[in-house]
């Protein structure tokens, strides 16, 4: 119920997750995390990458379906390179999962955070009219529809449709 303690715990967990991308174990230490009638309480634990991966296994497994669906939706006969973007792609288990699904070792020459920023900068250049030789398309990832009689859904816009659409 202590919101400050909860935030300190979340911050420590985030730091541990980041550290475990480059080391096999990390120490989580939060002095004076809270106090009760018996006195001050401290947190001092060691978390291994293996334990982290076991705890997060259900989350990692949830990546499998959408990744396979994205590959299927792309209708590409062959993939030459996989570039991972976003901070969580630094997690070794995520990289291993992508390699398992695609059969390709992910290219780590691109900084995952810079890739996201670069994409946003390119989109900004396109919108402002400064970039004219690149076309980026927004698509809806889900089928959009309305509820009709009997609680059924009538699809209006199929997933992977370019936006804007009519």
C-alpha atoms as a PDB file:
ATOM      1  CA  UNK A   1       0.000   0.000   0.000  1.00  0.00           C
ATOM      2  CA  UNK A   2       3.052   2.312   0.212  1.00  0.00           C
ATOM      3  CA  UNK A   3       3.149   4.031  -3.176  1.00  0.00           C
ATOM      4  CA  UNK A   4       6.676   5.393  -2.694  1.00  0.00           C
ATOM      5  CA  UNK A   5       7.989   1.922  -1.838  1.00  0.00           C
ATOM      6  CA  UNK A   6       6.148   0.470  -4.823  1.00  0.00           C
ATOM      7  CA  UNK A   7       7.699   3.057  -7.162  1.00  0.00           C
ATOM      8  CA  UNK A   8      11.178   2.388  -5.751  1.00  0.00           C
ATOM      9  CA  UNK A   9      10.592  -1.327  -6.320  1.00  0.00           C
ATOM     10  CA  UNK A  10       9.449  -0.730  -9.915  1.00  0.00           C
ATOM     11  CA  UNK A  11      12.505   1.421 -10.612  1.00  0.00           C
ATOM     12  CA  UNK A  12      14.818  -1.236  -9.174  1.00  0.00           C
ATOM     13  CA  UNK A  13      13.077  -3.946 -11.234  1.00  0.00           C
ATOM     14  CA  UNK A  14      13.478  -1.900 -14.427  1.00  0.00           C
ATOM     15  CA  UNK A  15      17.177  -1.341 -13.691  1.00  0.00           C
ATOM     16  CA  UNK A  16      17.645  -5.062 -12.988  1.00  0.00           C
ATOM     17  CA  UNK A  17      15.948  -5.961 -16.284  1.00  0.00           C
ATOM     18  CA  UNK A  18      18.284  -3.615 -18.157  1.00  0.00           C
ATOM     19  CA  UNK A  19      21.379  -4.934 -16.365  1.00  0.00           C
ATOM     20  CA  UNK A  20      20.432  -8.557 -17.052  1.00  0.00           C
ATOM     21  CA  UNK A  21      20.669  -7.854 -20.786  1.00  0.00           C
ATOM     22  CA  UNK A  22      24.449  -7.639 -20.411  1.00  0.00           C
ATOM     23  CA  UNK A  23      25.288  -9.654 -17.254  1.00  0.00           C
ATOM     24  CA  UNK A  24      24.223 -13.038 -15.881  1.00  0.00           C
ATOM     25  CA  UNK A  25      23.115 -11.741 -12.478  1.00  0.00           C
ATOM     26  CA  UNK A  26      22.451  -8.484 -10.707  1.00  0.00           C
ATOM     27  CA  UNK A  27      22.013  -7.372  -7.127  1.00  0.00           C
ATOM     28  CA  UNK A  28      18.874  -5.459  -6.202  1.00  0.00           C
ATOM     29  CA  UNK A  29      19.367  -3.344  -3.103  1.00  0.00           C
ATOM     30  CA  UNK A  30      16.777  -0.923  -1.750  1.00  0.00           C
ATOM     31  CA  UNK A  31      17.631   0.352   1.716  1.00  0.00           C
ATOM     32  CA  UNK A  32      14.787   1.546   3.937  1.00  0.00           C
ATOM     33  CA  UNK A  33      12.119   0.439   1.491  1.00  0.00           C
ATOM     34  CA  UNK A  34       9.520   0.749   4.238  1.00  0.00           C
ATOM     35  CA  UNK A  35       9.093   0.465   7.954  1.00  0.00           C
ATOM     36  CA  UNK A  36       6.582  -1.184  10.208  1.00  0.00           C
ATOM     37  CA  UNK A  37       6.155  -1.687  13.954  1.00  0.00           C
ATOM     38  CA  UNK A  38       9.279  -3.851  14.065  1.00  0.00           C
ATOM     39  CA  UNK A  39      11.474  -1.245  12.356  1.00  0.00           C
ATOM     40  CA  UNK A  40      13.070  -0.408   9.027  1.00  0.00           C
ATOM     41  CA  UNK A  41      12.936  -2.943   6.198  1.00  0.00           C
ATOM     42  CA  UNK A  42      15.520  -3.324   3.447  1.00  0.00           C
ATOM     43  CA  UNK A  43      15.512  -5.276   0.208  1.00  0.00           C
ATOM     44  CA  UNK A  44      18.726  -7.036  -0.748  1.00  0.00           C
ATOM     45  CA  UNK A  45      18.383  -9.842  -3.329  1.00  0.00           C
ATOM     46  CA  UNK A  46      20.315 -11.253  -6.239  1.00  0.00           C
ATOM     47  CA  UNK A  47      18.443 -11.926  -9.461  1.00  0.00           C
ATOM     48  CA  UNK A  48      19.926 -14.159 -12.145  1.00  0.00           C
ATOM     49  CA  UNK A  49      19.133 -13.936 -15.830  1.00  0.00           C
ATOM     50  CA  UNK A  50      17.809 -17.513 -15.698  1.00  0.00           C
ATOM     51  CA  UNK A  51      15.363 -16.619 -12.915  1.00  0.00           C
ATOM     52  CA  UNK A  52      14.308 -13.462 -14.773  1.00  0.00           C
ATOM     53  CA  UNK A  53      13.664 -15.480 -17.939  1.00  0.00           C
ATOM     54  CA  UNK A  54      11.651 -18.056 -15.984  1.00  0.00           C
ATOM     55  CA  UNK A  55       9.524 -15.335 -14.370  1.00  0.00           C
ATOM     56  CA  UNK A  56       8.954 -13.625 -17.737  1.00  0.00           C
ATOM     57  CA  UNK A  57       8.447 -16.797 -19.822  1.00  0.00           C
ATOM     58  CA  UNK A  58       4.689 -16.209 -20.271  1.00  0.00           C
ATOM     59  CA  UNK A  59       5.426 -12.723 -21.624  1.00  0.00           C
ATOM     60  CA  UNK A  60       8.116 -14.007 -23.963  1.00  0.00           C
ATOM     61  CA  UNK A  61       5.771 -16.699 -25.270  1.00  0.00           C
ATOM     62  CA  UNK A  62       3.146 -14.047 -26.047  1.00  0.00           C
ATOM     63  CA  UNK A  63       5.626 -12.597 -28.576  1.00  0.00           C
ATOM     64  CA  UNK A  64       5.624 -15.787 -30.637  1.00  0.00           C
ATOM     65  CA  UNK A  65       2.105 -15.486 -32.148  1.00  0.00           C
ATOM     66  CA  UNK A  66       2.255 -11.841 -33.276  1.00  0.00           C
ATOM     67  CA  UNK A  67       5.760 -12.315 -34.681  1.00  0.00           C
ATOM     68  CA  UNK A  68       4.688 -15.322 -36.747  1.00  0.00           C
ATOM     69  CA  UNK A  69       1.549 -13.453 -37.859  1.00  0.00           C
ATOM     70  CA  UNK A  70       3.608 -10.421 -38.946  1.00  0.00           C
ATOM     71  CA  UNK A  71       5.847 -12.694 -41.017  1.00  0.00           C
ATOM     72  CA  UNK A  72       2.817 -14.357 -42.585  1.00  0.00           C
ATOM     73  CA  UNK A  73       1.112 -11.011 -43.275  1.00  0.00           C
ATOM     74  CA  UNK A  74       4.235  -9.649 -44.960  1.00  0.00           C
ATOM     75  CA  UNK A  75       3.899 -12.323 -47.672  1.00  0.00           C
ATOM     76  CA  UNK A  76       7.665 -12.224 -48.164  1.00  0.00           C
ATOM     77  CA  UNK A  77       9.176 -15.341 -49.697  1.00  0.00           C
ATOM     78  CA  UNK A  78      12.528 -14.708 -48.028  1.00  0.00           C
ATOM     79  CA  UNK A  79      13.838 -12.469 -45.277  1.00  0.00           C
ATOM     80  CA  UNK A  80      17.415 -11.264 -45.620  1.00  0.00           C
ATOM     81  CA  UNK A  81      17.858  -9.450 -42.319  1.00  0.00           C
ATOM     82  CA  UNK A  82      16.072  -8.921 -39.024  1.00  0.00           C
ATOM     83  CA  UNK A  83      16.576  -5.578 -37.276  1.00  0.00           C
ATOM     84  CA  UNK A  84      15.091  -5.311 -33.789  1.00  0.00           C
ATOM     85  CA  UNK A  85      13.776  -1.947 -32.597  1.00  0.00           C
ATOM     86  CA  UNK A  86      12.753  -0.819 -29.131  1.00  0.00           C
ATOM     87  CA  UNK A  87      14.489  -1.226 -25.783  1.00  0.00           C
ATOM     88  CA  UNK A  88      13.202  -4.686 -24.864  1.00  0.00           C
ATOM     89  CA  UNK A  89      14.823  -6.188 -27.942  1.00  0.00           C
ATOM     90  CA  UNK A  90      18.112  -5.958 -26.033  1.00  0.00           C
ATOM     91  CA  UNK A  91      16.919  -8.818 -23.811  1.00  0.00           C
ATOM     92  CA  UNK A  92      18.883 -11.923 -24.863  1.00  0.00           C
ATOM     93  CA  UNK A  93      15.799 -14.164 -24.571  1.00  0.00           C
ATOM     94  CA  UNK A  94      13.884 -11.906 -27.004  1.00  0.00           C
ATOM     95  CA  UNK A  95      16.769 -12.081 -29.480  1.00  0.00           C
ATOM     96  CA  UNK A  96      16.901 -15.875 -29.093  1.00  0.00           C
ATOM     97  CA  UNK A  97      13.138 -16.133 -29.672  1.00  0.00           C
ATOM     98  CA  UNK A  98      13.362 -14.025 -32.848  1.00  0.00           C
ATOM     99  CA  UNK A  99      16.241 -16.160 -34.092  1.00  0.00           C
ATOM    100  CA  UNK A 100      14.244 -19.316 -33.340  1.00  0.00           C
ATOM    101  CA  UNK A 101      11.202 -18.040 -35.280  1.00  0.00           C
ATOM    102  CA  UNK A 102      13.004 -16.495 -38.250  1.00  0.00           C
ATOM    103  CA  UNK A 103      16.091 -18.676 -38.468  1.00  0.00           C
ATOM    104  CA  UNK A 104      18.178 -15.490 -38.676  1.00  0.00           C
ATOM    105  CA  UNK A 105      20.508 -13.959 -36.107  1.00  0.00           C
ATOM    106  CA  UNK A 106      19.132 -10.453 -35.433  1.00  0.00           C
ATOM    107  CA  UNK A 107      21.324  -7.632 -36.746  1.00  0.00           C
ATOM    108  CA  UNK A 108      22.543  -5.707 -33.686  1.00  0.00           C
ATOM    109  CA  UNK A 109      24.440  -3.012 -35.602  1.00  0.00           C
ATOM    110  CA  UNK A 110      21.487  -0.628 -35.243  1.00  0.00           C
ATOM    111  CA  UNK A 111      20.776   0.935 -31.835  1.00  0.00           C
ATOM    112  CA  UNK A 112      17.164  -0.138 -31.037  1.00  0.00           C
ATOM    113  CA  UNK A 113      16.289   3.274 -29.583  1.00  0.00           C
ATOM    114  CA  UNK A 114      17.854   5.213 -32.440  1.00  0.00           C
ATOM    115  CA  UNK A 115      15.961   3.093 -34.967  1.00  0.00           C
ATOM    116  CA  UNK A 116      12.660   4.208 -33.445  1.00  0.00           C
ATOM    117  CA  UNK A 117      13.807   7.851 -33.405  1.00  0.00           C
ATOM    118  CA  UNK A 118      15.049   7.630 -36.976  1.00  0.00           C
ATOM    119  CA  UNK A 119      11.703   6.240 -38.135  1.00  0.00           C
ATOM    120  CA  UNK A 120       9.903   9.094 -36.365  1.00  0.00           C
ATOM    121  CA  UNK A 121      12.271  11.634 -37.919  1.00  0.00           C
ATOM    122  CA  UNK A 122      11.694  10.179 -41.403  1.00  0.00           C
ATOM    123  CA  UNK A 123       7.924  10.308 -40.874  1.00  0.00           C
ATOM    124  CA  UNK A 124       8.230  13.924 -39.709  1.00  0.00           C
ATOM    125  CA  UNK A 125      10.244  14.776 -42.828  1.00  0.00           C
ATOM    126  CA  UNK A 126       7.628  13.153 -45.036  1.00  0.00           C
ATOM    127  CA  UNK A 127       4.771  15.006 -43.340  1.00  0.00           C
ATOM    128  CA  UNK A 128       6.602  18.341 -43.582  1.00  0.00           C
ATOM    129  CA  UNK A 129       7.373  17.744 -47.274  1.00  0.00           C
ATOM    130  CA  UNK A 130      11.164  17.742 -46.803  1.00  0.00           C
ATOM    131  CA  UNK A 131      11.457  14.053 -47.779  1.00  0.00           C
ATOM    132  CA  UNK A 132       9.785  12.989 -50.996  1.00  0.00           C
ATOM    133  CA  UNK A 133      11.562   9.787 -52.079  1.00  0.00           C
ATOM    134  CA  UNK A 134      10.378   7.534 -49.203  1.00  0.00           C
ATOM    135  CA  UNK A 135       6.865   6.279 -48.604  1.00  0.00           C
ATOM    136  CA  UNK A 136       5.852   5.058 -45.148  1.00  0.00           C
ATOM    137  CA  UNK A 137       2.367   3.637 -44.778  1.00  0.00           C
ATOM    138  CA  UNK A 138       0.322   3.493 -41.589  1.00  0.00           C
ATOM    139  CA  UNK A 139      -1.848   0.417 -41.279  1.00  0.00           C
ATOM    140  CA  UNK A 140      -4.390  -0.667 -38.717  1.00  0.00           C
ATOM    141  CA  UNK A 141      -3.137  -3.769 -36.864  1.00  0.00           C
ATOM    142  CA  UNK A 142      -6.638  -4.941 -35.980  1.00  0.00           C
ATOM    143  CA  UNK A 143      -9.848  -5.466 -37.889  1.00  0.00           C
ATOM    144  CA  UNK A 144     -12.211  -2.619 -37.033  1.00  0.00           C
ATOM    145  CA  UNK A 145     -15.942  -3.161 -36.941  1.00  0.00           C
ATOM    146  CA  UNK A 146     -19.246  -2.415 -35.282  1.00  0.00           C
ATOM    147  CA  UNK A 147     -21.511  -4.525 -33.144  1.00  0.00           C
ATOM    148  CA  UNK A 148     -24.655  -5.625 -34.903  1.00  0.00           C
ATOM    149  CA  UNK A 149     -27.784  -7.464 -33.775  1.00  0.00           C
ATOM    150  CA  UNK A 150     -27.107 -10.351 -31.434  1.00  0.00           C
ATOM    151  CA  UNK A 151     -23.699  -9.118 -30.294  1.00  0.00           C
ATOM    152  CA  UNK A 152     -22.030 -10.066 -33.573  1.00  0.00           C
ATOM    153  CA  UNK A 153     -19.415  -7.870 -35.220  1.00  0.00           C
ATOM    154  CA  UNK A 154     -19.597  -6.605 -38.757  1.00  0.00           C
ATOM    155  CA  UNK A 155     -16.071  -5.896 -40.013  1.00  0.00           C
ATOM    156  CA  UNK A 156     -15.663  -2.519 -41.673  1.00  0.00           C
ATOM    157  CA  UNK A 157     -11.905  -2.232 -42.088  1.00  0.00           C
ATOM    158  CA  UNK A 158      -9.740  -5.362 -42.278  1.00  0.00           C
ATOM    159  CA  UNK A 159      -6.472  -5.527 -40.361  1.00  0.00           C
ATOM    160  CA  UNK A 160      -3.354  -4.428 -42.232  1.00  0.00           C
ATOM    161  CA  UNK A 161      -5.405  -1.942 -44.274  1.00  0.00           C
ATOM    162  CA  UNK A 162      -3.577   1.290 -45.101  1.00  0.00           C
ATOM    163  CA  UNK A 163      -4.834   4.332 -43.217  1.00  0.00           C
ATOM    164  CA  UNK A 164      -6.521   6.587 -44.229  1.00  0.00           C
ATOM    165  CA  UNK A 165      -9.066   4.361 -45.908  1.00  0.00           C
ATOM    166  CA  UNK A 166     -12.636   4.597 -47.144  1.00  0.00           C
END
